[in-house]
N, C-alpha and C. Protein backbone atom coordinates (compact mmCIF):
# COMPACT_ATOMS: atom_id res chain seq x y z
N MET A 1 25.73 -6.87 25.03
CA MET A 1 24.56 -6.64 25.80
C MET A 1 24.00 -5.70 23.87
N LYS A 2 22.97 -6.95 23.56
CA LYS A 2 22.17 -6.61 22.86
C LYS A 2 21.93 -5.08 21.94
N ARG A 3 22.34 -4.70 20.70
CA ARG A 3 20.89 -3.45 20.38
C ARG A 3 20.49 -4.12 19.68
N SER A 4 19.31 -3.06 20.00
CA SER A 4 17.95 -3.04 19.61
C SER A 4 17.43 -2.23 18.43
N ARG A 5 17.55 -3.44 16.99
CA ARG A 5 16.85 -2.69 16.11
C ARG A 5 16.51 -1.64 15.33
N ARG A 6 17.07 -1.03 15.02
CA ARG A 6 17.11 0.50 14.82
C ARG A 6 15.88 -0.09 13.25
N LYS A 7 14.56 1.23 13.62
CA LYS A 7 13.30 1.12 12.40
C LYS A 7 13.49 2.26 11.79
N PHE A 8 13.28 2.65 10.86
CA PHE A 8 13.30 3.82 9.73
C PHE A 8 12.15 3.17 9.17
N THR A 9 11.67 5.27 10.13
CA THR A 9 10.50 6.05 8.64
C THR A 9 10.21 5.87 7.43
N ALA A 10 9.61 5.53 7.24
CA ALA A 10 9.76 5.64 4.92
C ALA A 10 9.52 6.80 4.57
N GLU A 11 9.44 7.76 5.71
CA GLU A 11 9.80 9.36 5.40
C GLU A 11 11.68 9.69 4.76
N PHE A 12 11.58 8.65 6.21
CA PHE A 12 13.11 9.05 6.70
C PHE A 12 14.32 8.61 4.97
N LYS A 13 13.66 6.98 5.07
CA LYS A 13 13.62 6.03 3.95
C LYS A 13 13.71 7.28 2.06
N ALA A 14 13.43 7.83 2.24
CA ALA A 14 12.45 8.63 1.40
C ALA A 14 13.49 9.54 0.75
N LYS A 15 14.17 9.95 2.02
CA LYS A 15 15.29 11.21 2.18
C LYS A 15 16.69 10.96 2.18
N VAL A 16 17.34 9.61 2.03
CA VAL A 16 18.53 8.88 2.50
C VAL A 16 18.25 8.60 0.97
N VAL A 17 17.35 7.36 0.33
CA VAL A 17 17.36 6.87 -0.68
C VAL A 17 17.08 8.35 -1.91
N LEU A 18 16.81 9.61 -2.38
CA LEU A 18 16.55 10.72 -2.88
C LEU A 18 17.59 11.39 -2.50
N GLU A 19 18.81 11.58 -2.01
CA GLU A 19 20.23 11.94 -1.32
C GLU A 19 20.77 11.18 -3.16
N ALA A 20 21.28 9.45 -2.75
CA ALA A 20 21.46 9.05 -3.70
C ALA A 20 21.65 9.06 -4.75
N ILE A 21 19.90 8.74 -5.55
CA ILE A 21 19.49 8.71 -6.76
C ILE A 21 20.04 10.00 -7.48
N LYS A 22 20.38 11.49 -5.53
CA LYS A 22 20.90 12.58 -6.42
C LYS A 22 22.64 12.44 -7.00
N GLU A 23 23.40 11.83 -6.57
CA GLU A 23 24.98 11.11 -6.81
C GLU A 23 25.74 12.29 -6.58
N GLN A 24 25.04 13.22 -5.84
CA GLN A 24 26.35 14.07 -5.78
C GLN A 24 27.06 13.30 -4.11
N LYS A 25 26.75 12.74 -3.51
CA LYS A 25 27.49 12.46 -3.03
C LYS A 25 27.55 11.17 -3.16
N SER A 26 28.64 10.05 -2.81
CA SER A 26 28.92 8.82 -2.85
C SER A 26 28.31 7.82 -1.89
N LEU A 27 28.18 6.65 -1.70
CA LEU A 27 26.94 5.81 -0.66
C LEU A 27 27.99 5.15 0.60
N SER A 28 29.63 5.40 0.35
CA SER A 28 29.67 6.03 1.67
C SER A 28 30.17 7.35 2.56
N GLU A 29 30.05 8.66 1.59
CA GLU A 29 29.67 9.62 2.35
C GLU A 29 28.04 9.86 2.77
N LEU A 30 26.40 9.23 2.64
CA LEU A 30 25.93 8.75 2.81
C LEU A 30 26.03 8.09 3.75
N ALA A 31 26.95 7.27 3.59
CA ALA A 31 25.92 6.33 5.34
C ALA A 31 26.67 7.09 6.62
N GLU A 32 27.90 7.98 5.96
CA GLU A 32 28.33 8.06 7.52
C GLU A 32 27.55 9.24 7.10
N GLN A 33 26.76 10.42 6.61
CA GLN A 33 26.07 10.83 6.75
C GLN A 33 24.67 10.86 7.52
N PHE A 34 24.23 10.35 7.22
CA PHE A 34 22.95 9.41 7.82
C PHE A 34 23.02 7.83 9.05
N GLU A 35 24.62 7.94 9.45
CA GLU A 35 24.62 7.05 9.98
C GLU A 35 24.18 5.58 9.85
N LEU A 36 24.71 5.25 8.64
CA LEU A 36 23.54 3.88 8.29
C LEU A 36 25.66 3.64 7.22
N HIS A 37 24.70 2.08 7.18
CA HIS A 37 25.83 1.15 6.45
C HIS A 37 25.19 1.22 4.11
N PRO A 38 26.47 1.14 4.20
CA PRO A 38 26.32 2.00 2.35
C PRO A 38 25.72 0.69 2.13
N ASN A 39 25.46 -0.82 2.49
CA ASN A 39 24.82 -1.87 1.88
C ASN A 39 23.08 -1.13 1.94
N LEU A 40 22.96 -0.68 3.58
CA LEU A 40 21.19 -0.77 3.30
C LEU A 40 20.56 0.50 2.26
N ILE A 41 21.48 1.22 2.14
CA ILE A 41 21.17 2.35 1.36
C ILE A 41 21.32 1.71 -0.48
N SER A 42 21.98 0.92 -0.12
CA SER A 42 22.20 0.55 -1.12
C SER A 42 21.00 -1.22 -1.86
N ILE A 43 20.34 -1.39 -0.28
CA ILE A 43 19.21 -2.15 -0.28
C ILE A 43 17.61 -1.34 -0.91
N TRP A 44 17.43 0.05 -0.32
CA TRP A 44 16.84 1.01 0.04
C TRP A 44 16.16 1.49 -2.35
N LYS A 45 17.13 1.86 -2.18
CA LYS A 45 17.77 2.26 -3.97
C LYS A 45 17.04 1.02 -4.93
N ARG A 46 17.15 0.18 -4.80
CA ARG A 46 16.83 -0.74 -5.83
C ARG A 46 15.52 -0.60 -4.78
N GLU A 47 15.08 -0.95 -4.08
CA GLU A 47 14.19 -1.18 -3.84
C GLU A 47 12.21 -0.14 -4.59
N PHE A 48 13.43 1.29 -4.18
CA PHE A 48 12.21 2.71 -4.55
C PHE A 48 12.40 1.86 -5.89
N LEU A 49 13.45 2.07 -6.96
CA LEU A 49 13.41 1.84 -8.60
C LEU A 49 12.81 0.91 -8.93
N ASP A 50 13.13 -0.23 -8.82
CA ASP A 50 11.63 -1.03 -8.37
C ASP A 50 10.50 -0.95 -8.62
N ASN A 51 10.30 -0.31 -7.30
CA ASN A 51 8.32 -0.26 -6.95
C ASN A 51 8.18 1.15 -7.52
N ALA A 52 9.17 1.83 -8.45
CA ALA A 52 9.06 3.24 -8.92
C ALA A 52 7.40 3.98 -9.69
N ALA A 53 7.48 2.44 -10.30
CA ALA A 53 6.02 2.46 -11.22
C ALA A 53 4.04 2.62 -10.96
N LYS A 54 4.72 1.66 -8.87
CA LYS A 54 2.73 0.91 -8.82
C LYS A 54 2.64 3.16 -8.95
N VAL A 55 3.82 3.78 -8.16
CA VAL A 55 3.00 5.01 -7.27
C VAL A 55 2.13 5.01 -8.94
N PHE A 56 2.26 5.30 -10.66
CA PHE A 56 1.72 5.69 -11.33
C PHE A 56 0.53 5.07 -11.87
N SER A 57 0.85 3.15 -11.44
CA SER A 57 -0.26 2.82 -11.50
C SER A 57 -1.22 2.67 -10.71
N LYS A 58 -0.98 2.56 -9.84
CA LYS A 58 -2.17 3.00 -7.80
C LYS A 58 -3.83 3.61 -8.35
N GLY A 59 -3.51 4.89 -9.88
CA GLY A 59 -4.90 5.44 -9.87
C GLY A 59 -5.91 3.80 -10.37
N ASP A 60 -5.52 4.23 -11.23
CA ASP A 60 -5.63 2.66 -12.23
C ASP A 60 -6.02 1.80 -10.91
N GLU A 61 -5.69 1.61 -10.02
CA GLU A 61 -6.23 0.15 -9.25
C GLU A 61 -7.19 1.11 -8.28
N ILE A 62 -7.39 2.12 -8.04
CA ILE A 62 -7.83 2.74 -6.84
C ILE A 62 -9.42 2.84 -7.88
N LYS A 63 -8.94 2.47 -9.13
CA LYS A 63 -10.22 2.69 -10.43
C LYS A 63 -11.20 1.42 -10.15
N ASN A 64 -9.93 0.22 -10.53
CA ASN A 64 -10.94 -0.93 -10.26
C ASN A 64 -11.36 -0.98 -9.18
N THR A 65 -10.86 -0.94 -8.56
CA THR A 65 -11.51 -1.54 -6.41
C THR A 65 -13.01 -0.38 -6.54
N ILE A 66 -12.77 0.37 -6.72
CA ILE A 66 -14.15 1.67 -6.37
C ILE A 66 -15.55 0.70 -7.60
N GLU A 67 -14.87 -0.08 -9.23
CA GLU A 67 -16.07 -0.04 -9.66
C GLU A 67 -16.60 -1.70 -9.28
N GLU A 68 -15.43 -2.27 -8.48
CA GLU A 68 -15.53 -3.29 -8.21
C GLU A 68 -16.17 -3.89 -6.55
N VAL A 69 -16.29 -2.60 -5.63
CA VAL A 69 -16.83 -2.45 -4.85
C VAL A 69 -18.35 -1.72 -5.13
N GLU A 70 -18.01 -1.53 -5.81
CA GLU A 70 -19.88 -0.95 -6.12
C GLU A 70 -21.22 -2.32 -6.94
N LYS A 71 -19.70 -3.25 -7.62
CA LYS A 71 -21.32 -3.95 -7.90
C LYS A 71 -21.20 -4.99 -7.66
N GLU A 72 -20.48 -5.31 -6.17
CA GLU A 72 -20.03 -5.94 -5.35
C GLU A 72 -21.51 -5.59 -3.99
N LYS A 73 -21.32 -4.19 -4.21
CA LYS A 73 -22.88 -3.39 -3.08
C LYS A 73 -24.33 -3.16 -4.09
N GLU A 74 -24.41 -3.47 -5.14
CA GLU A 74 -25.34 -3.68 -6.33
C GLU A 74 -26.12 -5.40 -6.22
N GLU A 75 -25.16 -6.13 -6.26
CA GLU A 75 -25.34 -7.34 -6.05
C GLU A 75 -25.94 -7.51 -4.18
N LEU A 76 -25.70 -6.83 -3.71
CA LEU A 76 -26.13 -7.79 -2.08
C LEU A 76 -27.25 -6.30 -1.94
N PHE A 77 -27.47 -5.56 -3.10
CA PHE A 77 -28.57 -4.85 -2.32
C PHE A 77 -30.15 -4.97 -3.12
N LYS A 78 -29.12 -6.43 -4.56
CA LYS A 78 -30.34 -7.36 -5.06
C LYS A 78 -31.04 -8.17 -3.70
N GLN A 79 -29.74 -8.46 -3.23
CA GLN A 79 -29.79 -9.81 -2.21
C GLN A 79 -30.40 -9.78 -2.19
N ILE A 80 -30.43 -8.39 -0.82
CA ILE A 80 -31.84 -8.22 0.04
C ILE A 80 -32.91 -7.64 -0.73
N GLY A 81 -33.20 -6.96 -1.39
CA GLY A 81 -34.32 -7.03 -2.05
C GLY A 81 -34.48 -8.86 -2.24
N ARG A 82 -34.11 -9.85 -2.76
CA ARG A 82 -35.31 -10.96 -2.78
C ARG A 82 -35.25 -11.16 -1.77
N LEU A 83 -34.45 -11.80 -0.54
CA LEU A 83 -34.70 -11.74 0.65
C LEU A 83 -36.14 -11.25 1.26
N LYS A 84 -36.29 -9.78 1.28
CA LYS A 84 -37.34 -9.53 1.64
C LYS A 84 -38.46 -10.08 0.82
N VAL A 85 -38.73 -9.64 -0.15
CA VAL A 85 -39.68 -10.73 -0.67
C VAL A 85 -39.48 -12.06 -0.56
N GLU A 86 -39.16 -12.89 -0.05
CA GLU A 86 -38.73 -14.46 0.73
C GLU A 86 -39.59 -13.92 1.83
N ASN A 87 -38.98 -13.31 3.36
CA ASN A 87 -39.19 -12.86 4.06
C ASN A 87 -40.44 -12.45 4.14
N ASP A 88 -41.30 -11.87 3.28
CA ASP A 88 -42.95 -11.72 3.65
C ASP A 88 -43.35 -12.52 3.45
N TRP A 89 -43.03 -13.26 2.14
CA TRP A 89 -44.13 -14.07 1.42
C TRP A 89 -44.03 -15.62 2.46
N LEU A 90 -42.69 -15.44 2.70
CA LEU A 90 -43.04 -16.81 4.50
C LEU A 90 -43.88 -16.09 5.87
N LYS A 91 -43.47 -15.18 5.70
CA LYS A 91 -44.88 -14.62 7.29
C LYS A 91 -45.81 -14.07 7.03
N LYS A 92 -46.34 -14.52 5.24
CA LYS A 92 -48.38 -14.34 4.72
C LYS A 92 -48.09 -16.16 4.76
N LYS A 93 -47.10 -16.70 4.07
CA LYS A 93 -47.14 -18.34 5.24
C LYS A 93 -47.85 -19.02 5.84
N VAL A 94 -47.16 -18.41 7.11
CA VAL A 94 -47.33 -18.85 8.72
C VAL A 94 -48.11 -18.05 9.25
N LEU A 95 -48.73 -16.80 8.85
CA LEU A 95 -50.15 -16.76 9.71
C LEU A 95 -51.05 -16.39 8.91
């Protein structure tokens, strides 16, 4: 009978990775403690370290996204204004 694949929350992964980064215990000890394979802990640790810089750049990305949304919103309001004028003009022509 097949075992179902376990799914781990981000919080659990972070807890394990932080323990691994502290290096107070070996990967084998951590694997035994959390009932994981040592390779899995290594993979999570590598992913964590590779993506650590993104945590600090999120503010810039959010700021840029907000600016883009505001520009798009402004363009849409301009387009709505043009369409209203055009619609009013067409209504006058028909009547």
